[in-house]
PDB file of N, CA and C in Angstrom:
ATOM      1  N   UNK A   1      20.313  14.210  32.440  1.00  0.00           N
ATOM      2  CA  UNK A   1      20.093  13.899  31.080  1.00  0.00           C
ATOM      3  C   UNK A   1      19.645  15.104  29.783  1.00  0.00           C
ATOM      4  N   UNK A   2      20.193  15.485  29.271  1.00  0.00           N
ATOM      5  CA  UNK A   2      20.002  17.098  28.729  1.00  0.00           C
ATOM      6  C   UNK A   2      18.715  16.782  27.348  1.00  0.00           C
ATOM      7  N   UNK A   3      17.829  17.566  27.518  1.00  0.00           N
ATOM      8  CA  UNK A   3      17.082  17.271  26.800  1.00  0.00           C
ATOM      9  C   UNK A   3      17.262  17.382  25.381  1.00  0.00           C
ATOM     10  N   UNK A   4      16.173  16.711  24.166  1.00  0.00           N
ATOM     11  CA  UNK A   4      16.219  16.324  23.119  1.00  0.00           C
ATOM     12  C   UNK A   4      16.048  17.341  22.390  1.00  0.00           C
ATOM     13  N   UNK A   5      16.830  17.636  21.370  1.00  0.00           N
ATOM     14  CA  UNK A   5      17.028  19.047  20.390  1.00  0.00           C
ATOM     15  C   UNK A   5      17.124  18.289  18.926  1.00  0.00           C
ATOM     16  N   UNK A   6      16.087  18.060  17.729  1.00  0.00           N
ATOM     17  CA  UNK A   6      16.099  17.873  16.981  1.00  0.00           C
ATOM     18  C   UNK A   6      17.496  18.617  15.927  1.00  0.00           C
ATOM     19  N   UNK A   7      17.658  19.702  16.318  1.00  0.00           N
ATOM     20  CA  UNK A   7      18.334  20.524  15.360  1.00  0.00           C
ATOM     21  C   UNK A   7      19.769  20.271  16.229  1.00  0.00           C
ATOM     22  N   UNK A   8      20.065  19.797  17.185  1.00  0.00           N
ATOM     23  CA  UNK A   8      21.048  19.243  17.356  1.00  0.00           C
ATOM     24  C   UNK A   8      21.989  18.178  16.835  1.00  0.00           C
ATOM     25  N   UNK A   9      21.263  17.030  15.840  1.00  0.00           N
ATOM     26  CA  UNK A   9      21.336  16.289  15.219  1.00  0.00           C
ATOM     27  C   UNK A   9      22.077  16.521  13.899  1.00  0.00           C
ATOM     28  N   UNK A  10      23.052  15.457  13.504  1.00  0.00           N
ATOM     29  CA  UNK A  10      23.748  16.139  11.791  1.00  0.00           C
ATOM     30  C   UNK A  10      22.695  15.302  10.753  1.00  0.00           C
ATOM     31  N   UNK A  11      22.754  16.326   9.813  1.00  0.00           N
ATOM     32  CA  UNK A  11      21.810  15.616   9.043  1.00  0.00           C
ATOM     33  C   UNK A  11      22.667  14.926   7.881  1.00  0.00           C
ATOM     34  N   UNK A  12      22.509  14.196   7.081  1.00  0.00           N
ATOM     35  CA  UNK A  12      22.920  13.622   6.165  1.00  0.00           C
ATOM     36  C   UNK A  12      22.778  13.656   5.087  1.00  0.00           C
ATOM     37  N   UNK A  13      23.496  13.636   3.648  1.00  0.00           N
ATOM     38  CA  UNK A  13      22.866  14.201   2.190  1.00  0.00           C
ATOM     39  C   UNK A  13      22.947  12.371   1.753  1.00  0.00           C
ATOM     40  N   UNK A  14      21.478  12.878   0.652  1.00  0.00           N
ATOM     41  CA  UNK A  14      21.081  11.870  -0.194  1.00  0.00           C
ATOM     42  C   UNK A  14      21.145  12.147  -1.543  1.00  0.00           C
ATOM     43  N   UNK A  15      21.072  11.383  -2.785  1.00  0.00           N
ATOM     44  CA  UNK A  15      21.166  11.907  -4.140  1.00  0.00           C
ATOM     45  C   UNK A  15      20.291  13.401  -4.287  1.00  0.00           C
ATOM     46  N   UNK A  16      19.402  13.576  -4.301  1.00  0.00           N
ATOM     47  CA  UNK A  16      18.299  14.429  -4.606  1.00  0.00           C
ATOM     48  C   UNK A  16      18.645  15.702  -3.584  1.00  0.00           C
ATOM     49  N   UNK A  17      19.729  15.861  -3.261  1.00  0.00           N
ATOM     50  CA  UNK A  17      19.403  17.455  -2.346  1.00  0.00           C
ATOM     51  C   UNK A  17      18.634  17.266  -1.220  1.00  0.00           C
ATOM     52  N   UNK A  18      18.306  16.280  -0.617  1.00  0.00           N
ATOM     53  CA  UNK A  18      17.402  15.771   0.586  1.00  0.00           C
ATOM     54  C   UNK A  18      17.935  15.737   1.619  1.00  0.00           C
ATOM     55  N   UNK A  19      17.993  16.203   2.726  1.00  0.00           N
ATOM     56  CA  UNK A  19      18.831  15.631   3.975  1.00  0.00           C
ATOM     57  C   UNK A  19      17.945  15.041   4.924  1.00  0.00           C
ATOM     58  N   UNK A  20      18.189  13.706   5.386  1.00  0.00           N
ATOM     59  CA  UNK A  20      18.034  12.642   5.983  1.00  0.00           C
ATOM     60  C   UNK A  20      18.729  13.039   7.702  1.00  0.00           C
ATOM     61  N   UNK A  21      18.123  12.725   8.738  1.00  0.00           N
ATOM     62  CA  UNK A  21      18.821  12.877  10.167  1.00  0.00           C
ATOM     63  C   UNK A  21      18.868  11.238  10.414  1.00  0.00           C
ATOM     64  N   UNK A  22      20.129  10.694  10.733  1.00  0.00           N
ATOM     65  CA  UNK A  22      20.859   9.580  11.069  1.00  0.00           C
ATOM     66  C   UNK A  22      20.943   9.410  12.416  1.00  0.00           C
ATOM     67  N   UNK A  23      19.878   8.389  13.005  1.00  0.00           N
ATOM     68  CA  UNK A  23      19.537   7.892  14.451  1.00  0.00           C
ATOM     69  C   UNK A  23      20.212   6.546  14.763  1.00  0.00           C
ATOM     70  N   UNK A  24      20.881   6.651  15.866  1.00  0.00           N
ATOM     71  CA  UNK A  24      21.724   5.681  15.792  1.00  0.00           C
ATOM     72  C   UNK A  24      20.497   4.634  17.358  1.00  0.00           C
ATOM     73  N   UNK A  25      19.560   4.269  16.629  1.00  0.00           N
ATOM     74  CA  UNK A  25      19.085   3.498  17.593  1.00  0.00           C
ATOM     75  C   UNK A  25      18.859   2.429  18.565  1.00  0.00           C
ATOM     76  N   UNK A  26      20.238   1.912  18.381  1.00  0.00           N
ATOM     77  CA  UNK A  26      20.896   1.095  19.287  1.00  0.00           C
ATOM     78  C   UNK A  26      21.526   1.537  20.555  1.00  0.00           C
ATOM     79  N   UNK A  27      21.881   3.327  20.245  1.00  0.00           N
ATOM     80  CA  UNK A  27      22.150   3.947  21.310  1.00  0.00           C
ATOM     81  C   UNK A  27      21.232   4.269  22.346  1.00  0.00           C
ATOM     82  N   UNK A  28      20.366   5.071  21.429  1.00  0.00           N
ATOM     83  CA  UNK A  28      19.133   5.773  22.000  1.00  0.00           C
ATOM     84  C   UNK A  28      18.404   4.776  23.045  1.00  0.00           C
ATOM     85  N   UNK A  29      17.843   3.364  22.107  1.00  0.00           N
ATOM     86  CA  UNK A  29      17.907   2.737  23.476  1.00  0.00           C
ATOM     87  C   UNK A  29      18.340   2.182  24.437  1.00  0.00           C
ATOM     88  N   UNK A  30      19.705   2.010  24.514  1.00  0.00           N
ATOM     89  CA  UNK A  30      20.421   1.233  25.426  1.00  0.00           C
ATOM     90  C   UNK A  30      20.286   2.415  26.885  1.00  0.00           C
ATOM     91  N   UNK A  31      20.094   3.351  26.810  1.00  0.00           N
ATOM     92  CA  UNK A  31      19.539   4.262  27.806  1.00  0.00           C
ATOM     93  C   UNK A  31      17.988   4.197  28.024  1.00  0.00           C
ATOM     94  N   UNK A  32      17.711   3.731  29.286  1.00  0.00           N
ATOM     95  CA  UNK A  32      16.497   3.289  29.635  1.00  0.00           C
ATOM     96  C   UNK A  32      15.028   4.645  29.689  1.00  0.00           C
ATOM     97  N   UNK A  33      16.094   5.198  30.240  1.00  0.00           N
ATOM     98  CA  UNK A  33      15.514   6.614  30.559  1.00  0.00           C
ATOM     99  C   UNK A  33      14.800   7.456  29.235  1.00  0.00           C
ATOM    100  N   UNK A  34      15.275   6.636  28.385  1.00  0.00           N
ATOM    101  CA  UNK A  34      14.841   7.487  26.616  1.00  0.00           C
ATOM    102  C   UNK A  34      14.139   6.744  27.003  1.00  0.00           C
ATOM    103  N   UNK A  35      13.950   5.993  26.746  1.00  0.00           N
ATOM    104  CA  UNK A  35      12.877   4.625  26.282  1.00  0.00           C
ATOM    105  C   UNK A  35      11.984   5.262  27.653  1.00  0.00           C
ATOM    106  N   UNK A  36      11.918   5.295  28.719  1.00  0.00           N
ATOM    107  CA  UNK A  36      10.798   5.523  29.714  1.00  0.00           C
ATOM    108  C   UNK A  36       9.938   6.776  29.293  1.00  0.00           C
ATOM    109  N   UNK A  37      10.951   7.899  29.081  1.00  0.00           N
ATOM    110  CA  UNK A  37      10.384   9.253  28.828  1.00  0.00           C
ATOM    111  C   UNK A  37       9.633   8.983  27.025  1.00  0.00           C
ATOM    112  N   UNK A  38      10.283   8.391  26.344  1.00  0.00           N
ATOM    113  CA  UNK A  38       9.459   8.292  24.888  1.00  0.00           C
ATOM    114  C   UNK A  38       7.991   7.933  25.005  1.00  0.00           C
ATOM    115  N   UNK A  39       7.786   6.757  26.178  1.00  0.00           N
ATOM    116  CA  UNK A  39       6.544   6.009  26.366  1.00  0.00           C
ATOM    117  C   UNK A  39       5.834   6.796  26.832  1.00  0.00           C
ATOM    118  N   UNK A  40       6.647   7.305  28.093  1.00  0.00           N
ATOM    119  CA  UNK A  40       5.571   8.024  28.966  1.00  0.00           C
ATOM    120  C   UNK A  40       4.920   9.235  28.166  1.00  0.00           C
ATOM    121  N   UNK A  41       5.580  10.190  27.098  1.00  0.00           N
ATOM    122  CA  UNK A  41       5.441  10.945  26.529  1.00  0.00           C
ATOM    123  C   UNK A  41       4.136  10.840  25.437  1.00  0.00           C
ATOM    124  N   UNK A  42       4.346   9.498  24.900  1.00  0.00           N
ATOM    125  CA  UNK A  42       3.276   9.230  24.245  1.00  0.00           C
ATOM    126  C   UNK A  42       1.942   8.318  24.405  1.00  0.00           C
ATOM    127  N   UNK A  43       2.282   7.965  25.951  1.00  0.00           N
ATOM    128  CA  UNK A  43       0.992   7.805  26.903  1.00  0.00           C
ATOM    129  C   UNK A  43      -0.135   8.543  26.868  1.00  0.00           C
ATOM    130  N   UNK A  44       0.925   9.990  27.844  1.00  0.00           N
ATOM    131  CA  UNK A  44       0.557  11.477  28.353  1.00  0.00           C
ATOM    132  C   UNK A  44      -0.631  11.986  27.000  1.00  0.00           C
ATOM    133  N   UNK A  45      -0.226  11.526  25.662  1.00  0.00           N
ATOM    134  CA  UNK A  45      -0.089  12.699  25.116  1.00  0.00           C
ATOM    135  C   UNK A  45      -1.467  11.718  24.226  1.00  0.00           C
ATOM    136  N   UNK A  46      -1.956  10.826  24.576  1.00  0.00           N
ATOM    137  CA  UNK A  46      -2.403   9.576  23.902  1.00  0.00           C
ATOM    138  C   UNK A  46      -2.056   9.273  22.203  1.00  0.00           C
ATOM    139  N   UNK A  47      -0.878   9.921  22.316  1.00  0.00           N
ATOM    140  CA  UNK A  47      -1.126   8.778  20.818  1.00  0.00           C
ATOM    141  C   UNK A  47      -0.226   7.364  20.855  1.00  0.00           C
ATOM    142  N   UNK A  48      -1.271   6.689  20.363  1.00  0.00           N
ATOM    143  CA  UNK A  48      -1.028   5.104  20.037  1.00  0.00           C
ATOM    144  C   UNK A  48      -0.522   5.052  19.275  1.00  0.00           C
ATOM    145  N   UNK A  49      -0.199   5.682  17.999  1.00  0.00           N
ATOM    146  CA  UNK A  49       0.682   5.034  17.064  1.00  0.00           C
ATOM    147  C   UNK A  49       2.243   5.210  17.245  1.00  0.00           C
ATOM    148  N   UNK A  50       2.466   6.284  18.055  1.00  0.00           N
ATOM    149  CA  UNK A  50       4.046   6.774  18.377  1.00  0.00           C
ATOM    150  C   UNK A  50       4.348   5.692  19.065  1.00  0.00           C
ATOM    151  N   UNK A  51       3.239   5.443  20.123  1.00  0.00           N
ATOM    152  CA  UNK A  51       3.841   4.367  21.651  1.00  0.00           C
ATOM    153  C   UNK A  51       4.064   2.813  20.586  1.00  0.00           C
ATOM    154  N   UNK A  52       3.158   2.498  19.892  1.00  0.00           N
ATOM    155  CA  UNK A  52       3.503   1.340  19.240  1.00  0.00           C
ATOM    156  C   UNK A  52       5.117   1.328  18.336  1.00  0.00           C
ATOM    157  N   UNK A  53       5.546   2.510  17.385  1.00  0.00           N
ATOM    158  CA  UNK A  53       6.153   2.645  16.985  1.00  0.00           C
ATOM    159  C   UNK A  53       7.498   2.380  17.959  1.00  0.00           C
ATOM    160  N   UNK A  54       7.742   3.039  19.435  1.00  0.00           N
ATOM    161  CA  UNK A  54       8.515   3.377  19.974  1.00  0.00           C
ATOM    162  C   UNK A  54       8.729   1.611  20.595  1.00  0.00           C
ATOM    163  N   UNK A  55       7.640   0.996  20.646  1.00  0.00           N
ATOM    164  CA  UNK A  55       7.944  -0.517  21.115  1.00  0.00           C
ATOM    165  C   UNK A  55       8.408  -1.489  19.975  1.00  0.00           C
ATOM    166  N   UNK A  56       8.447  -0.997  18.644  1.00  0.00           N
ATOM    167  CA  UNK A  56       8.394  -1.984  17.880  1.00  0.00           C
ATOM    168  C   UNK A  56      10.131  -1.590  17.234  1.00  0.00           C
ATOM    169  N   UNK A  57      10.705   0.012  17.425  1.00  0.00           N
ATOM    170  CA  UNK A  57      11.827  -0.086  17.372  1.00  0.00           C
ATOM    171  C   UNK A  57      12.605  -0.438  18.699  1.00  0.00           C
ATOM    172  N   UNK A  58      12.157  -0.529  20.026  1.00  0.00           N
ATOM    173  CA  UNK A  58      12.976  -1.144  20.709  1.00  0.00           C
ATOM    174  C   UNK A  58      13.135  -2.518  20.419  1.00  0.00           C
ATOM    175  N   UNK A  59      11.966  -3.585  20.359  1.00  0.00           N
ATOM    176  CA  UNK A  59      12.426  -4.589  20.285  1.00  0.00           C
ATOM    177  C   UNK A  59      13.070  -5.096  18.815  1.00  0.00           C
ATOM    178  N   UNK A  60      13.194  -3.896  17.993  1.00  0.00           N
ATOM    179  CA  UNK A  60      13.897  -4.079  16.466  1.00  0.00           C
ATOM    180  C   UNK A  60      15.529  -4.377  17.088  1.00  0.00           C
ATOM    181  N   UNK A  61      16.028  -3.669  18.077  1.00  0.00           N
ATOM    182  CA  UNK A  61      17.433  -3.154  18.495  1.00  0.00           C
ATOM    183  C   UNK A  61      17.655  -4.306  19.535  1.00  0.00           C
ATOM    184  N   UNK A  62      16.663  -5.255  20.306  1.00  0.00           N
ATOM    185  CA  UNK A  62      17.608  -5.772  21.630  1.00  0.00           C
ATOM    186  C   UNK A  62      17.211  -7.298  21.369  1.00  0.00           C
ATOM    187  N   UNK A  63      17.761  -8.220  22.073  1.00  0.00           N
ATOM    188  CA  UNK A  63      17.753  -9.530  22.032  1.00  0.00           C
ATOM    189  C   UNK A  63      16.542  -9.699  22.475  1.00  0.00           C
ATOM    190  N   UNK A  64      15.454 -10.546  21.724  1.00  0.00           N
ATOM    191  CA  UNK A  64      14.157 -10.927  21.607  1.00  0.00           C
ATOM    192  C   UNK A  64      14.329 -12.290  22.597  1.00  0.00           C
ATOM    193  N   UNK A  65      15.202 -13.078  22.473  1.00  0.00           N
ATOM    194  CA  UNK A  65      15.524 -14.299  23.443  1.00  0.00           C
ATOM    195  C   UNK A  65      15.469 -13.594  24.920  1.00  0.00           C
ATOM    196  N   UNK A  66      16.422 -12.847  25.130  1.00  0.00           N
ATOM    197  CA  UNK A  66      16.247 -12.255  26.305  1.00  0.00           C
ATOM    198  C   UNK A  66      15.059 -12.316  26.957  1.00  0.00           C
ATOM    199  N   UNK A  67      14.724 -11.205  26.123  1.00  0.00           N
ATOM    200  CA  UNK A  67      13.667 -10.253  26.846  1.00  0.00           C
ATOM    201  C   UNK A  67      12.266 -11.526  26.788  1.00  0.00           C
ATOM    202  N   UNK A  68      12.289 -12.612  26.067  1.00  0.00           N
ATOM    203  CA  UNK A  68      11.432 -13.562  26.020  1.00  0.00           C
ATOM    204  C   UNK A  68      11.830 -14.171  27.492  1.00  0.00           C
ATOM    205  N   UNK A  69      12.370 -14.403  27.604  1.00  0.00           N
ATOM    206  CA  UNK A  69      12.857 -15.248  29.109  1.00  0.00           C
ATOM    207  C   UNK A  69      12.358 -14.391  30.178  1.00  0.00           C
ATOM    208  N   UNK A  70      13.102 -13.301  29.877  1.00  0.00           N
ATOM    209  CA  UNK A  70      12.851 -12.114  31.417  1.00  0.00           C
ATOM    210  C   UNK A  70      11.514 -12.060  31.892  1.00  0.00           C
ATOM    211  N   UNK A  71      10.556 -11.689  30.532  1.00  0.00           N
ATOM    212  CA  UNK A  71       9.274 -11.648  30.389  1.00  0.00           C
ATOM    213  C   UNK A  71       8.329 -12.775  31.003  1.00  0.00           C
ATOM    214  N   UNK A  72       8.995 -14.057  30.692  1.00  0.00           N
ATOM    215  CA  UNK A  72       8.029 -15.079  30.416  1.00  0.00           C
ATOM    216  C   UNK A  72       7.011 -15.301  29.473  1.00  0.00           C
ATOM    217  N   UNK A  73       7.194 -14.437  28.675  1.00  0.00           N
ATOM    218  CA  UNK A  73       6.557 -14.576  27.355  1.00  0.00           C
ATOM    219  C   UNK A  73       6.474 -15.395  26.520  1.00  0.00           C
ATOM    220  N   UNK A  74       5.975 -15.730  25.792  1.00  0.00           N
ATOM    221  CA  UNK A  74       6.609 -16.820  23.998  1.00  0.00           C
ATOM    222  C   UNK A  74       7.244 -15.643  23.000  1.00  0.00           C
ATOM    223  N   UNK A  75       8.593 -16.655  22.915  1.00  0.00           N
ATOM    224  CA  UNK A  75       9.162 -15.729  21.982  1.00  0.00           C
ATOM    225  C   UNK A  75       8.200 -14.731  20.420  1.00  0.00           C
ATOM    226  N   UNK A  76       7.299 -16.144  20.378  1.00  0.00           N
ATOM    227  CA  UNK A  76       6.731 -15.693  19.262  1.00  0.00           C
ATOM    228  C   UNK A  76       5.794 -14.657  19.154  1.00  0.00           C
ATOM    229  N   UNK A  77       5.233 -14.282  20.607  1.00  0.00           N
ATOM    230  CA  UNK A  77       4.553 -13.161  20.828  1.00  0.00           C
ATOM    231  C   UNK A  77       4.970 -11.724  20.966  1.00  0.00           C
ATOM    232  N   UNK A  78       6.541 -12.123  21.266  1.00  0.00           N
ATOM    233  CA  UNK A  78       7.308 -11.022  20.990  1.00  0.00           C
ATOM    234  C   UNK A  78       7.489 -10.614  19.448  1.00  0.00           C
ATOM    235  N   UNK A  79       7.850 -11.274  18.739  1.00  0.00           N
ATOM    236  CA  UNK A  79       7.883 -11.384  17.616  1.00  0.00           C
ATOM    237  C   UNK A  79       6.916 -10.228  16.693  1.00  0.00           C
ATOM    238  N   UNK A  80       5.866 -11.370  16.984  1.00  0.00           N
ATOM    239  CA  UNK A  80       4.433 -10.809  16.329  1.00  0.00           C
ATOM    240  C   UNK A  80       4.336  -8.841  17.058  1.00  0.00           C
ATOM    241  N   UNK A  81       4.797  -8.688  18.228  1.00  0.00           N
ATOM    242  CA  UNK A  81       4.712  -7.441  18.729  1.00  0.00           C
ATOM    243  C   UNK A  81       5.482  -6.693  17.862  1.00  0.00           C
ATOM    244  N   UNK A  82       6.801  -7.171  17.819  1.00  0.00           N
ATOM    245  CA  UNK A  82       7.950  -6.682  16.754  1.00  0.00           C
ATOM    246  C   UNK A  82       7.507  -6.076  15.529  1.00  0.00           C
ATOM    247  N   UNK A  83       6.782  -7.337  14.718  1.00  0.00           N
ATOM    248  CA  UNK A  83       6.183  -7.304  13.627  1.00  0.00           C
ATOM    249  C   UNK A  83       4.881  -6.437  13.475  1.00  0.00           C
ATOM    250  N   UNK A  84       4.193  -5.524  14.698  1.00  0.00           N
ATOM    251  CA  UNK A  84       3.009  -4.655  14.280  1.00  0.00           C
ATOM    252  C   UNK A  84       2.126  -5.271  14.474  1.00  0.00           C
ATOM    253  N   UNK A  85       2.197  -6.671  14.863  1.00  0.00           N
ATOM    254  CA  UNK A  85       0.469  -7.040  15.308  1.00  0.00           C
ATOM    255  C   UNK A  85      -0.093  -6.319  16.628  1.00  0.00           C
ATOM    256  N   UNK A  86      -1.221  -6.413  16.447  1.00  0.00           N
ATOM    257  CA  UNK A  86      -1.833  -6.158  17.921  1.00  0.00           C
ATOM    258  C   UNK A  86      -1.784  -6.713  18.979  1.00  0.00           C
ATOM    259  N   UNK A  87      -1.358  -6.240  20.251  1.00  0.00           N
ATOM    260  CA  UNK A  87      -1.110  -7.024  21.442  1.00  0.00           C
ATOM    261  C   UNK A  87      -2.155  -6.616  22.458  1.00  0.00           C
ATOM    262  N   UNK A  88      -2.239  -7.291  23.290  1.00  0.00           N
ATOM    263  CA  UNK A  88      -3.416  -6.895  24.852  1.00  0.00           C
ATOM    264  C   UNK A  88      -2.160  -6.328  25.578  1.00  0.00           C
ATOM    265  N   UNK A  89      -2.748  -5.494  26.755  1.00  0.00           N
ATOM    266  CA  UNK A  89      -2.228  -4.490  27.701  1.00  0.00           C
ATOM    267  C   UNK A  89      -1.409  -5.798  28.759  1.00  0.00           C
ATOM    268  N   UNK A  90      -1.986  -7.156  29.019  1.00  0.00           N
ATOM    269  CA  UNK A  90      -0.846  -7.871  29.561  1.00  0.00           C
ATOM    270  C   UNK A  90       0.278  -7.892  29.252  1.00  0.00           C
ATOM    271  N   UNK A  91       0.362  -8.139  27.800  1.00  0.00           N
ATOM    272  CA  UNK A  91       1.230  -8.463  27.034  1.00  0.00           C
ATOM    273  C   UNK A  91       2.325  -7.153  27.014  1.00  0.00           C
ATOM    274  N   UNK A  92       1.651  -5.962  26.893  1.00  0.00           N
ATOM    275  CA  UNK A  92       2.499  -4.941  26.614  1.00  0.00           C
ATOM    276  C   UNK A  92       2.880  -4.483  28.456  1.00  0.00           C
ATOM    277  N   UNK A  93       2.738  -4.531  29.114  1.00  0.00           N
ATOM    278  CA  UNK A  93       2.943  -4.653  31.090  1.00  0.00           C
ATOM    279  C   UNK A  93       4.208  -5.543  31.058  1.00  0.00           C
ATOM    280  N   UNK A  94       4.332  -7.035  30.423  1.00  0.00           N
ATOM    281  CA  UNK A  94       5.400  -7.380  30.753  1.00  0.00           C
ATOM    282  C   UNK A  94       6.154  -7.300  29.692  1.00  0.00           C
ATOM    283  N   UNK A  95       6.302  -6.850  28.728  1.00  0.00           N
ATOM    284  CA  UNK A  95       7.402  -6.337  27.903  1.00  0.00           C
ATOM    285  C   UNK A  95       8.224  -5.219  28.522  1.00  0.00           C
ATOM    286  N   UNK A  96       7.080  -3.745  28.897  1.00  0.00           N
ATOM    287  CA  UNK A  96       7.509  -3.135  29.835  1.00  0.00           C
ATOM    288  C   UNK A  96       8.437  -3.683  30.806  1.00  0.00           C
ATOM    289  N   UNK A  97       7.772  -3.892  31.947  1.00  0.00           N
ATOM    290  CA  UNK A  97       8.520  -4.336  33.173  1.00  0.00           C
ATOM    291  C   UNK A  97       9.731  -5.134  33.104  1.00  0.00           C
ATOM    292  N   UNK A  98       9.855  -5.829  32.201  1.00  0.00           N
ATOM    293  CA  UNK A  98      11.224  -6.846  31.672  1.00  0.00           C
ATOM    294  C   UNK A  98      12.629  -5.528  30.915  1.00  0.00           C
ATOM    295  N   UNK A  99      11.832  -4.618  30.699  1.00  0.00           N
ATOM    296  CA  UNK A  99      12.478  -3.552  29.824  1.00  0.00           C
ATOM    297  C   UNK A  99      14.124  -3.534  31.347  1.00  0.00           C
ATOM    298  N   UNK A 100      13.571  -3.068  32.106  1.00  0.00           N
ATOM    299  CA  UNK A 100      14.250  -2.649  33.108  1.00  0.00           C
ATOM    300  C   UNK A 100      15.684  -4.024  33.446  1.00  0.00           C
ATOM    301  N   UNK A 101      14.873  -5.162  33.484  1.00  0.00           N
ATOM    302  CA  UNK A 101      15.775  -6.209  33.460  1.00  0.00           C
ATOM    303  C   UNK A 101      16.586  -7.272  32.657  1.00  0.00           C
ATOM    304  N   UNK A 102      16.274  -6.508  31.431  1.00  0.00           N
ATOM    305  CA  UNK A 102      16.764  -7.450  30.301  1.00  0.00           C
ATOM    306  C   UNK A 102      17.562  -6.997  30.291  1.00  0.00           C
ATOM    307  N   UNK A 103      18.956  -7.754  29.273  1.00  0.00           N
ATOM    308  CA  UNK A 103      20.291  -7.194  29.086  1.00  0.00           C
ATOM    309  C   UNK A 103      20.327  -6.090  27.733  1.00  0.00           C
TER     310      UNK A 103
END
């Protein structure tokens, strides 16, 4: 896997001459190594908000019903985590363990 470089991403134009970077989150999260690396970097740096954003981003693009089935968590719990609610370590571990098994 090539190292991520922000400068290699193409920007898009918006009205006021600002530039945005278009990121295809589905393709990013499709590669479980990307997700694992991003989560581990957030953990090792102690960056809780980034860790939560990564989990929320992942949950935004995957099939939550499939994740609920694989993780054996109620779909309501997964939807609350995806919406940004607080969650306990047991829930987090079930979600992250199921990532490798989910389609």
